[in-house]
Amino acid sequence: MKFSIGDTVELKSGGPEMTIHSIIGDSTNKFESSIFITKGYKVGDLICKWFLNSNLQSDIFKSETITKSIIPD
């Protein structure tokens, strides 16, 4: 599945809706990507953000564990 910055996603196993903040290896921020790659993350890993109550959360996920959210009409 192809993901883009700004996509609304969720873990395949469930959880809160998240927004893709950046994609490691994306050419828009090579410096940030190089830092994550040196820490063991891979090109294509997704940096997602979401709110838990009113606190902003952030984490990095493998794209295989994420699916796009279905937004009702």
N, C-alpha and C. Protein backbone atom coordinates (compact mmCIF):
# COMPACT_ATOMS: atom_id res chain seq x y z
N MET A 1 0.85 -1.18 0.00
CA MET A 1 0.00 0.00 0.00
C MET A 1 0.89 1.24 0.00
N LYS A 2 0.53 2.22 -0.78
CA LYS A 2 1.28 3.47 -0.88
C LYS A 2 0.72 4.47 0.13
N PHE A 3 1.62 5.04 0.91
CA PHE A 3 1.22 6.04 1.90
C PHE A 3 1.81 7.40 1.53
N SER A 4 1.12 8.44 1.95
CA SER A 4 1.57 9.81 1.73
C SER A 4 1.48 10.59 3.03
N ILE A 5 2.30 11.60 3.14
CA ILE A 5 2.23 12.49 4.30
C ILE A 5 0.82 13.08 4.36
N GLY A 6 0.23 13.06 5.54
CA GLY A 6 -1.12 13.58 5.74
C GLY A 6 -2.20 12.53 5.70
N ASP A 7 -1.87 11.30 5.26
CA ASP A 7 -2.87 10.22 5.26
C ASP A 7 -3.31 9.93 6.69
N THR A 8 -4.59 9.62 6.84
CA THR A 8 -5.13 9.17 8.12
C THR A 8 -5.06 7.65 8.11
N VAL A 9 -4.38 7.10 9.13
CA VAL A 9 -4.12 5.67 9.17
C VAL A 9 -4.41 5.12 10.56
N GLU A 10 -4.37 3.80 10.66
CA GLU A 10 -4.46 3.15 11.96
C GLU A 10 -3.71 1.83 11.89
N LEU A 11 -3.36 1.31 13.05
CA LEU A 11 -2.70 0.01 13.09
C LEU A 11 -3.68 -1.06 12.63
N LYS A 12 -3.20 -2.05 11.91
CA LYS A 12 -4.06 -3.15 11.48
C LYS A 12 -4.65 -3.88 12.68
N SER A 13 -3.92 -3.87 13.79
CA SER A 13 -4.39 -4.54 15.01
C SER A 13 -5.35 -3.68 15.82
N GLY A 14 -5.60 -2.44 15.38
CA GLY A 14 -6.51 -1.55 16.08
C GLY A 14 -5.77 -0.43 16.78
N GLY A 15 -6.53 0.52 17.26
CA GLY A 15 -5.93 1.65 17.96
C GLY A 15 -6.48 2.96 17.43
N PRO A 16 -5.91 4.06 17.88
CA PRO A 16 -6.42 5.37 17.48
C PRO A 16 -6.09 5.71 16.03
N GLU A 17 -6.88 6.61 15.46
CA GLU A 17 -6.53 7.13 14.15
C GLU A 17 -5.30 8.02 14.29
N MET A 18 -4.40 7.89 13.33
CA MET A 18 -3.15 8.65 13.36
C MET A 18 -2.98 9.34 12.02
N THR A 19 -2.11 10.33 11.99
CA THR A 19 -1.77 11.02 10.76
C THR A 19 -0.30 10.79 10.45
N ILE A 20 -0.01 10.48 9.19
CA ILE A 20 1.39 10.30 8.80
C ILE A 20 2.05 11.67 8.76
N HIS A 21 3.05 11.86 9.60
CA HIS A 21 3.79 13.12 9.70
C HIS A 21 4.93 13.15 8.69
N SER A 22 5.64 12.03 8.55
CA SER A 22 6.71 11.93 7.57
C SER A 22 7.01 10.46 7.30
N ILE A 23 7.74 10.24 6.23
CA ILE A 23 8.12 8.90 5.80
C ILE A 23 9.63 8.86 5.71
N ILE A 24 10.24 7.92 6.43
CA ILE A 24 11.69 7.83 6.43
C ILE A 24 12.17 7.50 5.02
N GLY A 25 13.11 8.28 4.55
CA GLY A 25 13.63 8.11 3.19
C GLY A 25 12.96 9.01 2.18
N ASP A 26 11.88 9.69 2.59
CA ASP A 26 11.21 10.62 1.70
C ASP A 26 12.17 11.76 1.39
N SER A 27 12.24 12.15 0.17
CA SER A 27 13.23 13.16 -0.25
C SER A 27 12.95 14.55 0.32
N THR A 28 11.80 14.75 0.99
CA THR A 28 11.49 16.08 1.51
C THR A 28 12.32 16.45 2.73
N ASN A 29 12.87 15.46 3.45
CA ASN A 29 13.67 15.77 4.62
C ASN A 29 14.79 14.73 4.78
N LYS A 30 15.83 14.91 3.99
CA LYS A 30 16.93 13.94 3.98
C LYS A 30 17.68 13.91 5.31
N PHE A 31 17.84 15.06 5.98
CA PHE A 31 18.56 15.09 7.26
C PHE A 31 17.84 14.28 8.31
N GLU A 32 16.53 14.49 8.44
CA GLU A 32 15.74 13.72 9.41
C GLU A 32 15.81 12.23 9.10
N SER A 33 15.69 11.87 7.83
CA SER A 33 15.74 10.46 7.43
C SER A 33 17.07 9.83 7.79
N SER A 34 18.17 10.55 7.56
CA SER A 34 19.49 9.98 7.85
C SER A 34 19.67 9.71 9.34
N ILE A 35 19.11 10.55 10.17
CA ILE A 35 19.19 10.34 11.63
C ILE A 35 18.44 9.07 12.01
N PHE A 36 17.24 8.88 11.50
CA PHE A 36 16.46 7.68 11.83
C PHE A 36 17.12 6.42 11.29
N ILE A 37 17.68 6.49 10.09
CA ILE A 37 18.33 5.32 9.50
C ILE A 37 19.53 4.90 10.33
N THR A 38 20.29 5.86 10.86
CA THR A 38 21.43 5.49 11.71
C THR A 38 20.97 4.88 13.03
N LYS A 39 19.71 5.10 13.40
CA LYS A 39 19.17 4.51 14.63
C LYS A 39 18.49 3.17 14.38
N GLY A 40 18.58 2.65 13.14
CA GLY A 40 18.05 1.33 12.85
C GLY A 40 16.71 1.27 12.15
N TYR A 41 16.09 2.42 11.92
CA TYR A 41 14.83 2.42 11.17
C TYR A 41 15.14 2.26 9.69
N LYS A 42 14.14 1.88 8.92
CA LYS A 42 14.31 1.58 7.49
C LYS A 42 13.59 2.60 6.63
N VAL A 43 14.07 2.74 5.40
CA VAL A 43 13.39 3.57 4.42
C VAL A 43 11.97 3.02 4.25
N GLY A 44 10.99 3.90 4.31
CA GLY A 44 9.59 3.50 4.19
C GLY A 44 8.86 3.40 5.51
N ASP A 45 9.60 3.39 6.64
CA ASP A 45 8.93 3.42 7.94
C ASP A 45 8.18 4.74 8.09
N LEU A 46 7.06 4.69 8.80
CA LEU A 46 6.16 5.84 8.89
C LEU A 46 6.22 6.49 10.27
N ILE A 47 6.41 7.78 10.28
CA ILE A 47 6.36 8.54 11.53
C ILE A 47 4.94 9.09 11.63
N CYS A 48 4.22 8.62 12.65
CA CYS A 48 2.81 8.98 12.81
C CYS A 48 2.60 9.76 14.10
N LYS A 49 1.60 10.63 14.07
CA LYS A 49 1.22 11.42 15.24
C LYS A 49 -0.28 11.28 15.47
N TRP A 50 -0.66 11.35 16.74
CA TRP A 50 -2.07 11.26 17.11
C TRP A 50 -2.23 11.88 18.50
N PHE A 51 -3.47 12.13 18.88
CA PHE A 51 -3.75 12.67 20.20
C PHE A 51 -4.30 11.58 21.10
N LEU A 52 -3.80 11.55 22.32
CA LEU A 52 -4.34 10.69 23.38
C LEU A 52 -4.83 11.66 24.44
N ASN A 53 -6.15 11.74 24.58
CA ASN A 53 -6.78 12.81 25.34
C ASN A 53 -6.35 14.11 24.68
N SER A 54 -5.66 14.99 25.36
CA SER A 54 -5.21 16.23 24.70
C SER A 54 -3.68 16.24 24.53
N ASN A 55 -3.05 15.08 24.67
CA ASN A 55 -1.59 14.99 24.56
C ASN A 55 -1.20 14.45 23.20
N LEU A 56 -0.30 15.17 22.52
CA LEU A 56 0.19 14.74 21.22
C LEU A 56 1.18 13.60 21.41
N GLN A 57 0.95 12.50 20.69
CA GLN A 57 1.79 11.32 20.74
C GLN A 57 2.46 11.14 19.38
N SER A 58 3.57 10.44 19.35
CA SER A 58 4.28 10.19 18.11
C SER A 58 5.04 8.88 18.22
N ASP A 59 5.11 8.13 17.11
CA ASP A 59 5.89 6.90 17.09
C ASP A 59 6.18 6.54 15.64
N ILE A 60 7.05 5.56 15.45
CA ILE A 60 7.45 5.10 14.12
C ILE A 60 6.95 3.67 13.93
N PHE A 61 6.34 3.41 12.78
CA PHE A 61 5.74 2.12 12.50
C PHE A 61 6.22 1.59 11.15
N LYS A 62 6.31 0.28 11.04
CA LYS A 62 6.55 -0.38 9.76
C LYS A 62 5.29 -0.22 8.91
N SER A 63 5.46 0.03 7.64
CA SER A 63 4.29 0.25 6.78
C SER A 63 3.40 -0.99 6.71
N GLU A 64 3.98 -2.17 6.92
CA GLU A 64 3.19 -3.41 6.87
C GLU A 64 2.18 -3.51 8.01
N THR A 65 2.38 -2.73 9.07
CA THR A 65 1.50 -2.81 10.24
C THR A 65 0.38 -1.77 10.20
N ILE A 66 0.36 -0.95 9.15
CA ILE A 66 -0.55 0.19 9.06
C ILE A 66 -1.52 0.00 7.90
N THR A 67 -2.74 0.50 8.09
CA THR A 67 -3.71 0.53 7.01
C THR A 67 -4.35 1.92 6.97
N LYS A 68 -4.78 2.34 5.81
CA LYS A 68 -5.45 3.65 5.70
C LYS A 68 -6.81 3.56 6.38
N SER A 69 -7.17 4.62 7.09
CA SER A 69 -8.47 4.68 7.75
C SER A 69 -9.57 4.88 6.70
N ILE A 70 -10.69 4.26 6.97
CA ILE A 70 -11.84 4.44 6.11
C ILE A 70 -12.66 5.57 6.70
N ILE A 71 -12.75 6.64 5.94
CA ILE A 71 -13.47 7.82 6.42
C ILE A 71 -14.91 7.76 5.88
N PRO A 72 -15.89 7.69 6.79
CA PRO A 72 -17.29 7.59 6.33
C PRO A 72 -17.74 8.84 5.61
N ASP A 73 -18.67 8.67 4.67
CA ASP A 73 -19.20 9.82 3.91
C ASP A 73 -20.09 10.68 4.76
